[in-house]
């Protein structure tokens, strides 16, 4: 599932951390796997990243239509 990040509803320190990891408004993010505790393995800005449930719940996205071949 791919989505475009439209906003981050988190505190300034957390936003700075995520921005440094490539998680920014306008970036495309793809979920690769979800853990039972709600953590997500994603690809964003060409990097694999694990997001805690708390971070993941506060990243607002819009789903992108699947690419057709």
PDB file of N, CA and C in Angstrom:
ATOM      1  N   UNK A   1       0.843  -1.172   0.000  1.00  0.00           N
ATOM      2  CA  UNK A   1       0.000   0.000   0.000  1.00  0.00           C
ATOM      3  C   UNK A   1       0.888   1.235   0.000  1.00  0.00           C
ATOM      4  N   UNK A   2       0.690   2.120  -0.951  1.00  0.00           N
ATOM      5  CA  UNK A   2       1.415   3.374  -1.000  1.00  0.00           C
ATOM      6  C   UNK A   2       0.480   4.518  -0.662  1.00  0.00           C
ATOM      7  N   UNK A   3       1.051   5.518  -0.010  1.00  0.00           N
ATOM      8  CA  UNK A   3       0.275   6.693   0.371  1.00  0.00           C
ATOM      9  C   UNK A   3       1.179   7.910   0.344  1.00  0.00           C
ATOM     10  N   UNK A   4       0.567   9.082   0.260  1.00  0.00           N
ATOM     11  CA  UNK A   4       1.303  10.341   0.303  1.00  0.00           C
ATOM     12  C   UNK A   4       1.086  10.969   1.670  1.00  0.00           C
ATOM     13  N   UNK A   5       2.166  11.379   2.317  1.00  0.00           N
ATOM     14  CA  UNK A   5       2.078  12.004   3.635  1.00  0.00           C
ATOM     15  C   UNK A   5       1.529  13.413   3.463  1.00  0.00           C
ATOM     16  N   UNK A   6       0.430  13.712   4.172  1.00  0.00           N
ATOM     17  CA  UNK A   6      -0.154  15.054   4.070  1.00  0.00           C
ATOM     18  C   UNK A   6       0.081  15.897   5.321  1.00  0.00           C
ATOM     19  N   UNK A   7       0.330  15.254   6.460  1.00  0.00           N
ATOM     20  CA  UNK A   7       0.664  16.016   7.663  1.00  0.00           C
ATOM     21  C   UNK A   7       1.202  15.094   8.746  1.00  0.00           C
ATOM     22  N   UNK A   8       1.953  15.704   9.670  1.00  0.00           N
ATOM     23  CA  UNK A   8       2.488  15.005  10.832  1.00  0.00           C
ATOM     24  C   UNK A   8       1.947  15.720  12.064  1.00  0.00           C
ATOM     25  N   UNK A   9       1.142  15.022  12.857  1.00  0.00           N
ATOM     26  CA  UNK A   9       0.546  15.625  14.045  1.00  0.00           C
ATOM     27  C   UNK A   9       1.308  15.171  15.285  1.00  0.00           C
ATOM     28  N   UNK A  10       2.540  15.679  15.410  1.00  0.00           N
ATOM     29  CA  UNK A  10       3.419  15.277  16.499  1.00  0.00           C
ATOM     30  C   UNK A  10       4.167  16.497  17.027  1.00  0.00           C
ATOM     31  N   UNK A  11       4.820  16.313  18.172  1.00  0.00           N
ATOM     32  CA  UNK A  11       5.563  17.414  18.769  1.00  0.00           C
ATOM     33  C   UNK A  11       6.800  17.750  17.931  1.00  0.00           C
ATOM     34  N   UNK A  12       7.380  18.895  18.218  1.00  0.00           N
ATOM     35  CA  UNK A  12       8.497  19.419  17.425  1.00  0.00           C
ATOM     36  C   UNK A  12       9.699  18.472  17.408  1.00  0.00           C
ATOM     37  N   UNK A  13      10.074  17.926  18.550  1.00  0.00           N
ATOM     38  CA  UNK A  13      11.243  17.041  18.620  1.00  0.00           C
ATOM     39  C   UNK A  13      11.008  15.778  17.780  1.00  0.00           C
ATOM     40  N   UNK A  14       9.828  15.187  17.896  1.00  0.00           N
ATOM     41  CA  UNK A  14       9.505  13.990  17.106  1.00  0.00           C
ATOM     42  C   UNK A  14       9.474  14.310  15.618  1.00  0.00           C
ATOM     43  N   UNK A  15       8.936  15.472  15.270  1.00  0.00           N
ATOM     44  CA  UNK A  15       8.885  15.892  13.863  1.00  0.00           C
ATOM     45  C   UNK A  15      10.304  16.026  13.303  1.00  0.00           C
ATOM     46  N   UNK A  16      11.190  16.642  14.055  1.00  0.00           N
ATOM     47  CA  UNK A  16      12.577  16.790  13.618  1.00  0.00           C
ATOM     48  C   UNK A  16      13.229  15.431  13.391  1.00  0.00           C
ATOM     49  N   UNK A  17      12.994  14.495  14.301  1.00  0.00           N
ATOM     50  CA  UNK A  17      13.535  13.141  14.156  1.00  0.00           C
ATOM     51  C   UNK A  17      13.008  12.484  12.877  1.00  0.00           C
ATOM     52  N   UNK A  18      11.687  12.520  12.690  1.00  0.00           N
ATOM     53  CA  UNK A  18      11.099  11.886  11.508  1.00  0.00           C
ATOM     54  C   UNK A  18      11.550  12.576  10.230  1.00  0.00           C
ATOM     55  N   UNK A  19      11.639  13.903  10.232  1.00  0.00           N
ATOM     56  CA  UNK A  19      12.118  14.629   9.059  1.00  0.00           C
ATOM     57  C   UNK A  19      13.533  14.187   8.700  1.00  0.00           C
ATOM     58  N   UNK A  20      14.365  13.999   9.701  1.00  0.00           N
ATOM     59  CA  UNK A  20      15.731  13.543   9.471  1.00  0.00           C
ATOM     60  C   UNK A  20      15.753  12.127   8.868  1.00  0.00           C
ATOM     61  N   UNK A  21      14.737  11.333   9.162  1.00  0.00           N
ATOM     62  CA  UNK A  21      14.624   9.971   8.629  1.00  0.00           C
ATOM     63  C   UNK A  21      13.969   9.951   7.244  1.00  0.00           C
ATOM     64  N   UNK A  22      13.558  11.125   6.738  1.00  0.00           N
ATOM     65  CA  UNK A  22      12.949  11.199   5.418  1.00  0.00           C
ATOM     66  C   UNK A  22      11.436  11.205   5.434  1.00  0.00           C
ATOM     67  N   UNK A  23      10.841  11.228   6.626  1.00  0.00           N
ATOM     68  CA  UNK A  23       9.385  11.246   6.745  1.00  0.00           C
ATOM     69  C   UNK A  23       8.942  12.715   6.752  1.00  0.00           C
ATOM     70  N   UNK A  24       8.554  13.205   5.585  1.00  0.00           N
ATOM     71  CA  UNK A  24       8.185  14.601   5.403  1.00  0.00           C
ATOM     72  C   UNK A  24       6.864  14.715   4.655  1.00  0.00           C
ATOM     73  N   UNK A  25       6.166  15.800   4.873  1.00  0.00           N
ATOM     74  CA  UNK A  25       4.951  16.088   4.129  1.00  0.00           C
ATOM     75  C   UNK A  25       5.268  16.056   2.631  1.00  0.00           C
ATOM     76  N   UNK A  26       4.422  15.383   1.875  1.00  0.00           N
ATOM     77  CA  UNK A  26       4.591  15.285   0.431  1.00  0.00           C
ATOM     78  C   UNK A  26       5.313  14.033  -0.027  1.00  0.00           C
ATOM     79  N   UNK A  27       6.002  13.354   0.871  1.00  0.00           N
ATOM     80  CA  UNK A  27       6.717  12.128   0.512  1.00  0.00           C
ATOM     81  C   UNK A  27       5.739  10.965   0.343  1.00  0.00           C
ATOM     82  N   UNK A  28       6.117  10.023  -0.511  1.00  0.00           N
ATOM     83  CA  UNK A  28       5.347   8.786  -0.672  1.00  0.00           C
ATOM     84  C   UNK A  28       5.913   7.767   0.310  1.00  0.00           C
ATOM     85  N   UNK A  29       5.012   7.100   1.014  1.00  0.00           N
ATOM     86  CA  UNK A  29       5.385   6.097   2.003  1.00  0.00           C
ATOM     87  C   UNK A  29       4.690   4.794   1.635  1.00  0.00           C
ATOM     88  N   UNK A  30       5.404   3.695   1.784  1.00  0.00           N
ATOM     89  CA  UNK A  30       4.826   2.388   1.473  1.00  0.00           C
ATOM     90  C   UNK A  30       4.955   1.477   2.687  1.00  0.00           C
ATOM     91  N   UNK A  31       3.845   0.883   3.098  1.00  0.00           N
ATOM     92  CA  UNK A  31       3.848  -0.051   4.220  1.00  0.00           C
ATOM     93  C   UNK A  31       4.202  -1.431   3.699  1.00  0.00           C
ATOM     94  N   UNK A  32       5.251  -2.013   4.287  1.00  0.00           N
ATOM     95  CA  UNK A  32       5.684  -3.350   3.892  1.00  0.00           C
ATOM     96  C   UNK A  32       5.135  -4.423   4.822  1.00  0.00           C
ATOM     97  N   UNK A  33       5.030  -4.088   6.116  1.00  0.00           N
ATOM     98  CA  UNK A  33       4.558  -5.066   7.102  1.00  0.00           C
ATOM     99  C   UNK A  33       4.064  -4.331   8.340  1.00  0.00           C
ATOM    100  N   UNK A  34       3.149  -5.000   9.056  1.00  0.00           N
ATOM    101  CA  UNK A  34       2.615  -4.464  10.308  1.00  0.00           C
ATOM    102  C   UNK A  34       2.789  -5.507  11.402  1.00  0.00           C
ATOM    103  N   UNK A  35       3.264  -5.065  12.548  1.00  0.00           N
ATOM    104  CA  UNK A  35       3.446  -5.955  13.696  1.00  0.00           C
ATOM    105  C   UNK A  35       2.168  -5.980  14.537  1.00  0.00           C
ATOM    106  N   UNK A  36       2.069  -6.982  15.400  1.00  0.00           N
ATOM    107  CA  UNK A  36       0.889  -7.101  16.256  1.00  0.00           C
ATOM    108  C   UNK A  36       0.712  -5.892  17.167  1.00  0.00           C
ATOM    109  N   UNK A  37       1.821  -5.255  17.556  1.00  0.00           N
ATOM    110  CA  UNK A  37       1.737  -4.097  18.456  1.00  0.00           C
ATOM    111  C   UNK A  37       1.431  -2.792  17.726  1.00  0.00           C
ATOM    112  N   UNK A  38       1.241  -2.858  16.401  1.00  0.00           N
ATOM    113  CA  UNK A  38       0.898  -1.677  15.621  1.00  0.00           C
ATOM    114  C   UNK A  38       2.078  -0.988  14.969  1.00  0.00           C
ATOM    115  N   UNK A  39       3.290  -1.447  15.226  1.00  0.00           N
ATOM    116  CA  UNK A  39       4.467  -0.876  14.568  1.00  0.00           C
ATOM    117  C   UNK A  39       4.422  -1.230  13.079  1.00  0.00           C
ATOM    118  N   UNK A  40       4.974  -0.349  12.253  1.00  0.00           N
ATOM    119  CA  UNK A  40       4.965  -0.558  10.813  1.00  0.00           C
ATOM    120  C   UNK A  40       6.373  -0.555  10.253  1.00  0.00           C
ATOM    121  N   UNK A  41       6.640  -1.455   9.324  1.00  0.00           N
ATOM    122  CA  UNK A  41       7.860  -1.419   8.532  1.00  0.00           C
ATOM    123  C   UNK A  41       7.486  -0.725   7.231  1.00  0.00           C
ATOM    124  N   UNK A  42       8.175   0.369   6.917  1.00  0.00           N
ATOM    125  CA  UNK A  42       7.827   1.177   5.751  1.00  0.00           C
ATOM    126  C   UNK A  42       9.074   1.472   4.919  1.00  0.00           C
ATOM    127  N   UNK A  43       8.814   1.915   3.694  1.00  0.00           N
ATOM    128  CA  UNK A  43       9.851   2.519   2.860  1.00  0.00           C
ATOM    129  C   UNK A  43       9.408   3.955   2.617  1.00  0.00           C
ATOM    130  N   UNK A  44      10.303   4.891   2.900  1.00  0.00           N
ATOM    131  CA  UNK A  44      10.046   6.306   2.638  1.00  0.00           C
ATOM    132  C   UNK A  44      11.373   6.952   2.283  1.00  0.00           C
ATOM    133  N   UNK A  45      11.369   7.778   1.265  1.00  0.00           N
ATOM    134  CA  UNK A  45      12.589   8.437   0.787  1.00  0.00           C
ATOM    135  C   UNK A  45      13.697   7.432   0.492  1.00  0.00           C
ATOM    136  N   UNK A  46      13.314   6.250   0.008  1.00  0.00           N
ATOM    137  CA  UNK A  46      14.277   5.228  -0.350  1.00  0.00           C
ATOM    138  C   UNK A  46      14.901   4.485   0.819  1.00  0.00           C
ATOM    139  N   UNK A  47      14.358   4.693   2.018  1.00  0.00           N
ATOM    140  CA  UNK A  47      14.920   4.067   3.216  1.00  0.00           C
ATOM    141  C   UNK A  47      13.888   3.175   3.889  1.00  0.00           C
ATOM    142  N   UNK A  48      14.356   2.037   4.405  1.00  0.00           N
ATOM    143  CA  UNK A  48      13.501   1.187   5.241  1.00  0.00           C
ATOM    144  C   UNK A  48      13.507   1.782   6.645  1.00  0.00           C
ATOM    145  N   UNK A  49      12.334   1.833   7.252  1.00  0.00           N
ATOM    146  CA  UNK A  49      12.198   2.457   8.558  1.00  0.00           C
ATOM    147  C   UNK A  49      11.103   1.739   9.336  1.00  0.00           C
ATOM    148  N   UNK A  50      11.330   1.550  10.622  1.00  0.00           N
ATOM    149  CA  UNK A  50      10.287   1.006  11.490  1.00  0.00           C
ATOM    150  C   UNK A  50       9.681   2.158  12.266  1.00  0.00           C
ATOM    151  N   UNK A  51       8.357   2.290  12.177  1.00  0.00           N
ATOM    152  CA  UNK A  51       7.640   3.342  12.899  1.00  0.00           C
ATOM    153  C   UNK A  51       6.860   2.716  14.049  1.00  0.00           C
ATOM    154  N   UNK A  52       7.010   3.284  15.234  1.00  0.00           N
ATOM    155  CA  UNK A  52       6.207   2.814  16.360  1.00  0.00           C
ATOM    156  C   UNK A  52       4.744   3.121  16.088  1.00  0.00           C
ATOM    157  N   UNK A  53       3.878   2.448  16.800  1.00  0.00           N
ATOM    158  CA  UNK A  53       2.440   2.691  16.640  1.00  0.00           C
ATOM    159  C   UNK A  53       2.109   4.154  16.903  1.00  0.00           C
ATOM    160  N   UNK A  54       2.736   4.739  17.924  1.00  0.00           N
ATOM    161  CA  UNK A  54       2.480   6.144  18.270  1.00  0.00           C
ATOM    162  C   UNK A  54       2.820   7.063  17.106  1.00  0.00           C
ATOM    163  N   UNK A  55       3.982   6.857  16.497  1.00  0.00           N
ATOM    164  CA  UNK A  55       4.342   7.677  15.337  1.00  0.00           C
ATOM    165  C   UNK A  55       3.384   7.409  14.182  1.00  0.00           C
ATOM    166  N   UNK A  56       3.149   6.140  13.879  1.00  0.00           N
ATOM    167  CA  UNK A  56       2.313   5.776  12.736  1.00  0.00           C
ATOM    168  C   UNK A  56       0.903   6.365  12.839  1.00  0.00           C
ATOM    169  N   UNK A  57       0.341   6.375  14.042  1.00  0.00           N
ATOM    170  CA  UNK A  57      -1.017   6.893  14.230  1.00  0.00           C
ATOM    171  C   UNK A  57      -1.106   8.406  14.010  1.00  0.00           C
ATOM    172  N   UNK A  58       0.033   9.081  14.041  1.00  0.00           N
ATOM    173  CA  UNK A  58       0.030  10.542  13.929  1.00  0.00           C
ATOM    174  C   UNK A  58       0.592  11.050  12.612  1.00  0.00           C
ATOM    175  N   UNK A  59       0.697  10.150  11.650  1.00  0.00           N
ATOM    176  CA  UNK A  59       1.087  10.525  10.294  1.00  0.00           C
ATOM    177  C   UNK A  59      -0.165  10.402   9.425  1.00  0.00           C
ATOM    178  N   UNK A  60      -0.635  11.527   8.927  1.00  0.00           N
ATOM    179  CA  UNK A  60      -1.842  11.538   8.094  1.00  0.00           C
ATOM    180  C   UNK A  60      -1.440  11.384   6.631  1.00  0.00           C
ATOM    181  N   UNK A  61      -2.137  10.492   5.938  1.00  0.00           N
ATOM    182  CA  UNK A  61      -1.809  10.186   4.550  1.00  0.00           C
ATOM    183  C   UNK A  61      -3.074  10.124   3.702  1.00  0.00           C
ATOM    184  N   UNK A  62      -2.863  10.181   2.397  1.00  0.00           N
ATOM    185  CA  UNK A  62      -3.919   9.848   1.453  1.00  0.00           C
ATOM    186  C   UNK A  62      -3.405   8.669   0.638  1.00  0.00           C
ATOM    187  N   UNK A  63      -4.261   7.695   0.456  1.00  0.00           N
ATOM    188  CA  UNK A  63      -3.875   6.498  -0.310  1.00  0.00           C
ATOM    189  C   UNK A  63      -3.719   6.851  -1.778  1.00  0.00           C
ATOM    190  N   UNK A  64      -2.725   6.246  -2.406  1.00  0.00           N
ATOM    191  CA  UNK A  64      -2.499   6.433  -3.831  1.00  0.00           C
ATOM    192  C   UNK A  64      -3.060   5.246  -4.590  1.00  0.00           C
ATOM    193  N   UNK A  65      -3.568   5.503  -5.766  1.00  0.00           N
ATOM    194  CA  UNK A  65      -4.095   4.424  -6.604  1.00  0.00           C
ATOM    195  C   UNK A  65      -2.957   3.500  -6.999  1.00  0.00           C
ATOM    196  N   UNK A  66      -3.216   2.196  -7.012  1.00  0.00           N
ATOM    197  CA  UNK A  66      -2.172   1.255  -7.431  1.00  0.00           C
ATOM    198  C   UNK A  66      -1.749   1.531  -8.867  1.00  0.00           C
ATOM    199  N   UNK A  67      -0.444   1.357  -9.127  1.00  0.00           N
ATOM    200  CA  UNK A  67       0.052   1.536 -10.497  1.00  0.00           C
ATOM    201  C   UNK A  67      -0.368   0.345 -11.338  1.00  0.00           C
ATOM    202  N   UNK A  68      -0.849   0.613 -12.542  1.00  0.00           N
ATOM    203  CA  UNK A  68      -1.213  -0.488 -13.442  1.00  0.00           C
ATOM    204  C   UNK A  68      -0.088  -0.685 -14.442  1.00  0.00           C
ATOM    205  N   UNK A  69       0.100  -1.928 -14.831  1.00  0.00           N
ATOM    206  CA  UNK A  69       1.192  -2.245 -15.769  1.00  0.00           C
ATOM    207  C   UNK A  69       0.686  -2.249 -17.186  1.00  0.00           C
TER     208      UNK A  69
END
